[in-house]
Amino acid sequence: MLEIDKVVILENGEEYLVLDKVLYENIEYYYIAKLNDTKTDIENNYKLVTIKEEDGNKILKEVTGVETLKKILPLFENSI
């Protein structure tokens, strides 16, 4: 649903670069990094998100919880 190396803009106006994607238990997880104000580099602000479609809109949901992160983060070993 999201493409690697593309920018996604959140409702609050923040822009994130999609760094990588993995599929785990039929769910796509995306590793994204916030762009700086000049959009020339990424900040030290990373998120792990999934996408859910509601009423034709794509909703990004941040992945939280220590146990879930312990399972998913190692799958991104090439990105981290």
N, C-alpha and C. Protein backbone atom coordinates (compact mmCIF):
# COMPACT_ATOMS: atom_id res chain seq x y z
N MET A 1 0.81 -1.19 0.00
CA MET A 1 0.00 0.00 0.00
C MET A 1 0.86 1.27 0.00
N LEU A 2 1.96 1.26 0.76
CA LEU A 2 2.91 2.36 0.71
C LEU A 2 4.14 1.90 -0.05
N GLU A 3 4.79 2.82 -0.73
CA GLU A 3 5.97 2.48 -1.49
C GLU A 3 7.22 2.91 -0.75
N ILE A 4 8.24 2.06 -0.78
CA ILE A 4 9.52 2.37 -0.15
C ILE A 4 10.14 3.56 -0.89
N ASP A 5 10.79 4.44 -0.13
CA ASP A 5 11.45 5.66 -0.63
C ASP A 5 10.45 6.74 -1.06
N LYS A 6 9.20 6.60 -0.70
CA LYS A 6 8.20 7.64 -0.97
C LYS A 6 7.86 8.33 0.34
N VAL A 7 7.35 9.55 0.23
CA VAL A 7 6.98 10.35 1.40
C VAL A 7 5.48 10.24 1.63
N VAL A 8 5.12 10.06 2.90
CA VAL A 8 3.72 10.04 3.29
C VAL A 8 3.49 11.24 4.21
N ILE A 9 2.37 11.94 4.01
CA ILE A 9 2.05 13.12 4.81
C ILE A 9 0.89 12.76 5.74
N LEU A 10 1.12 12.93 7.04
CA LEU A 10 0.09 12.64 8.03
C LEU A 10 -0.90 13.79 8.12
N GLU A 11 -2.04 13.54 8.75
CA GLU A 11 -3.06 14.58 8.90
C GLU A 11 -2.53 15.82 9.60
N ASN A 12 -1.57 15.64 10.51
CA ASN A 12 -1.03 16.79 11.24
C ASN A 12 0.03 17.55 10.44
N GLY A 13 0.27 17.13 9.20
CA GLY A 13 1.21 17.81 8.33
C GLY A 13 2.63 17.28 8.38
N GLU A 14 2.92 16.39 9.32
CA GLU A 14 4.27 15.82 9.40
C GLU A 14 4.50 14.91 8.19
N GLU A 15 5.74 14.94 7.69
CA GLU A 15 6.09 14.12 6.55
C GLU A 15 7.09 13.05 6.96
N TYR A 16 6.83 11.82 6.52
CA TYR A 16 7.67 10.68 6.85
C TYR A 16 8.10 9.98 5.56
N LEU A 17 9.35 9.51 5.56
CA LEU A 17 9.88 8.74 4.46
C LEU A 17 9.70 7.26 4.78
N VAL A 18 9.17 6.50 3.84
CA VAL A 18 9.00 5.06 4.03
C VAL A 18 10.35 4.39 3.75
N LEU A 19 10.92 3.78 4.79
CA LEU A 19 12.24 3.16 4.67
C LEU A 19 12.20 1.70 4.26
N ASP A 20 11.22 0.97 4.78
CA ASP A 20 11.17 -0.46 4.50
C ASP A 20 9.79 -1.00 4.83
N LYS A 21 9.54 -2.22 4.35
CA LYS A 21 8.25 -2.88 4.58
C LYS A 21 8.52 -4.36 4.78
N VAL A 22 7.78 -4.98 5.71
CA VAL A 22 7.82 -6.43 5.88
C VAL A 22 6.40 -6.94 6.04
N LEU A 23 6.23 -8.21 5.71
CA LEU A 23 4.95 -8.88 5.88
C LEU A 23 5.11 -9.91 6.99
N TYR A 24 4.25 -9.82 8.00
CA TYR A 24 4.30 -10.75 9.13
C TYR A 24 2.87 -11.12 9.50
N GLU A 25 2.57 -12.39 9.45
CA GLU A 25 1.23 -12.91 9.76
C GLU A 25 0.15 -12.17 8.97
N ASN A 26 0.39 -12.01 7.67
CA ASN A 26 -0.53 -11.37 6.73
C ASN A 26 -0.80 -9.90 7.02
N ILE A 27 0.08 -9.25 7.75
CA ILE A 27 -0.04 -7.82 8.02
C ILE A 27 1.22 -7.14 7.50
N GLU A 28 1.06 -6.06 6.73
CA GLU A 28 2.21 -5.29 6.25
C GLU A 28 2.60 -4.26 7.31
N TYR A 29 3.87 -4.27 7.67
CA TYR A 29 4.43 -3.32 8.63
C TYR A 29 5.40 -2.42 7.88
N TYR A 30 5.34 -1.13 8.18
CA TYR A 30 6.20 -0.15 7.52
C TYR A 30 7.06 0.54 8.55
N TYR A 31 8.33 0.73 8.20
CA TYR A 31 9.29 1.43 9.04
C TYR A 31 9.47 2.79 8.41
N ILE A 32 9.07 3.86 9.12
CA ILE A 32 9.10 5.21 8.55
C ILE A 32 9.94 6.14 9.42
N ALA A 33 10.47 7.20 8.79
CA ALA A 33 11.30 8.17 9.49
C ALA A 33 10.82 9.58 9.15
N LYS A 34 10.75 10.43 10.16
CA LYS A 34 10.27 11.80 9.98
C LYS A 34 11.31 12.63 9.23
N LEU A 35 10.82 13.42 8.25
CA LEU A 35 11.69 14.33 7.52
C LEU A 35 11.88 15.60 8.33
N ASN A 36 13.06 16.23 8.18
CA ASN A 36 13.30 17.49 8.88
C ASN A 36 12.51 18.61 8.19
N ASP A 37 12.55 19.81 8.78
CA ASP A 37 11.75 20.93 8.27
C ASP A 37 12.12 21.33 6.85
N THR A 38 13.39 21.16 6.48
CA THR A 38 13.81 21.53 5.13
C THR A 38 13.65 20.39 4.13
N LYS A 39 13.21 19.24 4.63
CA LYS A 39 12.96 18.05 3.80
C LYS A 39 14.22 17.56 3.09
N THR A 40 15.38 17.79 3.72
CA THR A 40 16.64 17.37 3.12
C THR A 40 17.25 16.17 3.83
N ASP A 41 16.72 15.81 4.99
CA ASP A 41 17.28 14.70 5.77
C ASP A 41 16.19 14.18 6.70
N ILE A 42 16.48 13.05 7.33
CA ILE A 42 15.53 12.51 8.29
C ILE A 42 15.98 12.86 9.70
N GLU A 43 15.00 13.04 10.58
CA GLU A 43 15.27 13.30 11.99
C GLU A 43 15.43 11.97 12.70
N ASN A 44 15.81 12.04 13.96
CA ASN A 44 15.94 10.82 14.76
C ASN A 44 14.57 10.47 15.36
N ASN A 45 13.58 10.32 14.49
CA ASN A 45 12.20 10.03 14.90
C ASN A 45 11.66 8.97 13.95
N TYR A 46 11.61 7.74 14.43
CA TYR A 46 11.18 6.62 13.61
C TYR A 46 9.90 6.02 14.18
N LYS A 47 9.09 5.44 13.30
CA LYS A 47 7.86 4.78 13.72
C LYS A 47 7.70 3.47 12.96
N LEU A 48 7.05 2.55 13.60
CA LEU A 48 6.63 1.31 12.97
C LEU A 48 5.12 1.40 12.87
N VAL A 49 4.59 1.30 11.64
CA VAL A 49 3.15 1.50 11.44
C VAL A 49 2.56 0.40 10.57
N THR A 50 1.24 0.28 10.67
CA THR A 50 0.45 -0.55 9.76
C THR A 50 -0.57 0.36 9.11
N ILE A 51 -1.22 -0.14 8.08
CA ILE A 51 -2.25 0.64 7.38
C ILE A 51 -3.57 -0.09 7.48
N LYS A 52 -4.60 0.69 7.78
CA LYS A 52 -5.96 0.16 7.82
C LYS A 52 -6.81 1.06 6.94
N GLU A 53 -7.67 0.45 6.13
CA GLU A 53 -8.55 1.25 5.28
C GLU A 53 -9.92 1.37 5.94
N GLU A 54 -10.38 2.62 6.04
CA GLU A 54 -11.71 2.91 6.59
C GLU A 54 -12.39 3.93 5.70
N ASP A 55 -13.56 3.61 5.23
CA ASP A 55 -14.35 4.52 4.41
C ASP A 55 -13.54 5.08 3.24
N GLY A 56 -12.71 4.24 2.63
CA GLY A 56 -11.91 4.66 1.48
C GLY A 56 -10.67 5.46 1.83
N ASN A 57 -10.41 5.66 3.11
CA ASN A 57 -9.22 6.39 3.55
C ASN A 57 -8.21 5.42 4.14
N LYS A 58 -6.92 5.72 3.92
CA LYS A 58 -5.86 4.92 4.51
C LYS A 58 -5.49 5.53 5.86
N ILE A 59 -5.58 4.73 6.90
CA ILE A 59 -5.29 5.18 8.25
C ILE A 59 -4.00 4.49 8.71
N LEU A 60 -2.98 5.29 9.08
CA LEU A 60 -1.75 4.73 9.62
C LEU A 60 -1.93 4.54 11.12
N LYS A 61 -1.55 3.38 11.59
CA LYS A 61 -1.64 3.09 13.02
C LYS A 61 -0.25 2.72 13.51
N GLU A 62 0.23 3.45 14.52
CA GLU A 62 1.55 3.18 15.07
C GLU A 62 1.52 1.88 15.88
N VAL A 63 2.54 1.06 15.67
CA VAL A 63 2.66 -0.20 16.40
C VAL A 63 3.32 0.11 17.74
N THR A 64 2.67 -0.32 18.82
CA THR A 64 3.20 -0.11 20.16
C THR A 64 3.15 -1.42 20.92
N GLY A 65 3.71 -1.42 22.08
CA GLY A 65 3.71 -2.62 22.91
C GLY A 65 5.03 -3.36 22.76
N VAL A 66 5.68 -3.60 23.86
CA VAL A 66 7.02 -4.19 23.87
C VAL A 66 7.03 -5.55 23.18
N GLU A 67 6.07 -6.39 23.48
CA GLU A 67 6.07 -7.75 22.91
C GLU A 67 5.91 -7.71 21.39
N THR A 68 5.03 -6.88 20.89
CA THR A 68 4.84 -6.76 19.45
C THR A 68 6.09 -6.22 18.79
N LEU A 69 6.67 -5.17 19.37
CA LEU A 69 7.88 -4.59 18.79
C LEU A 69 9.04 -5.59 18.79
N LYS A 70 9.14 -6.42 19.82
CA LYS A 70 10.20 -7.44 19.88
C LYS A 70 10.06 -8.44 18.74
N LYS A 71 8.84 -8.71 18.31
CA LYS A 71 8.60 -9.64 17.21
C LYS A 71 8.88 -9.01 15.85
N ILE A 72 8.46 -7.75 15.68
CA ILE A 72 8.48 -7.13 14.36
C ILE A 72 9.80 -6.44 14.04
N LEU A 73 10.37 -5.70 14.97
CA LEU A 73 11.59 -4.94 14.69
C LEU A 73 12.74 -5.78 14.12
N PRO A 74 13.00 -6.98 14.63
CA PRO A 74 14.09 -7.77 14.04
C PRO A 74 13.89 -8.10 12.56
N LEU A 75 12.66 -8.07 12.08
CA LEU A 75 12.40 -8.34 10.68
C LEU A 75 12.93 -7.22 9.77
N PHE A 76 13.19 -6.06 10.35
CA PHE A 76 13.70 -4.91 9.61
C PHE A 76 15.22 -4.79 9.74
N GLU A 77 15.92 -5.88 9.95
CA GLU A 77 17.35 -5.82 10.24
C GLU A 77 18.17 -5.09 9.18
N ASN A 78 17.72 -5.05 7.95
CA ASN A 78 18.47 -4.33 6.90
C ASN A 78 18.27 -2.83 6.96
N SER A 79 17.20 -2.38 7.63
CA SER A 79 16.89 -0.95 7.69
C SER A 79 17.42 -0.26 8.93
N ILE A 80 17.55 -1.01 10.01
CA ILE A 80 17.89 -0.40 11.30
C ILE A 80 19.39 -0.31 11.45
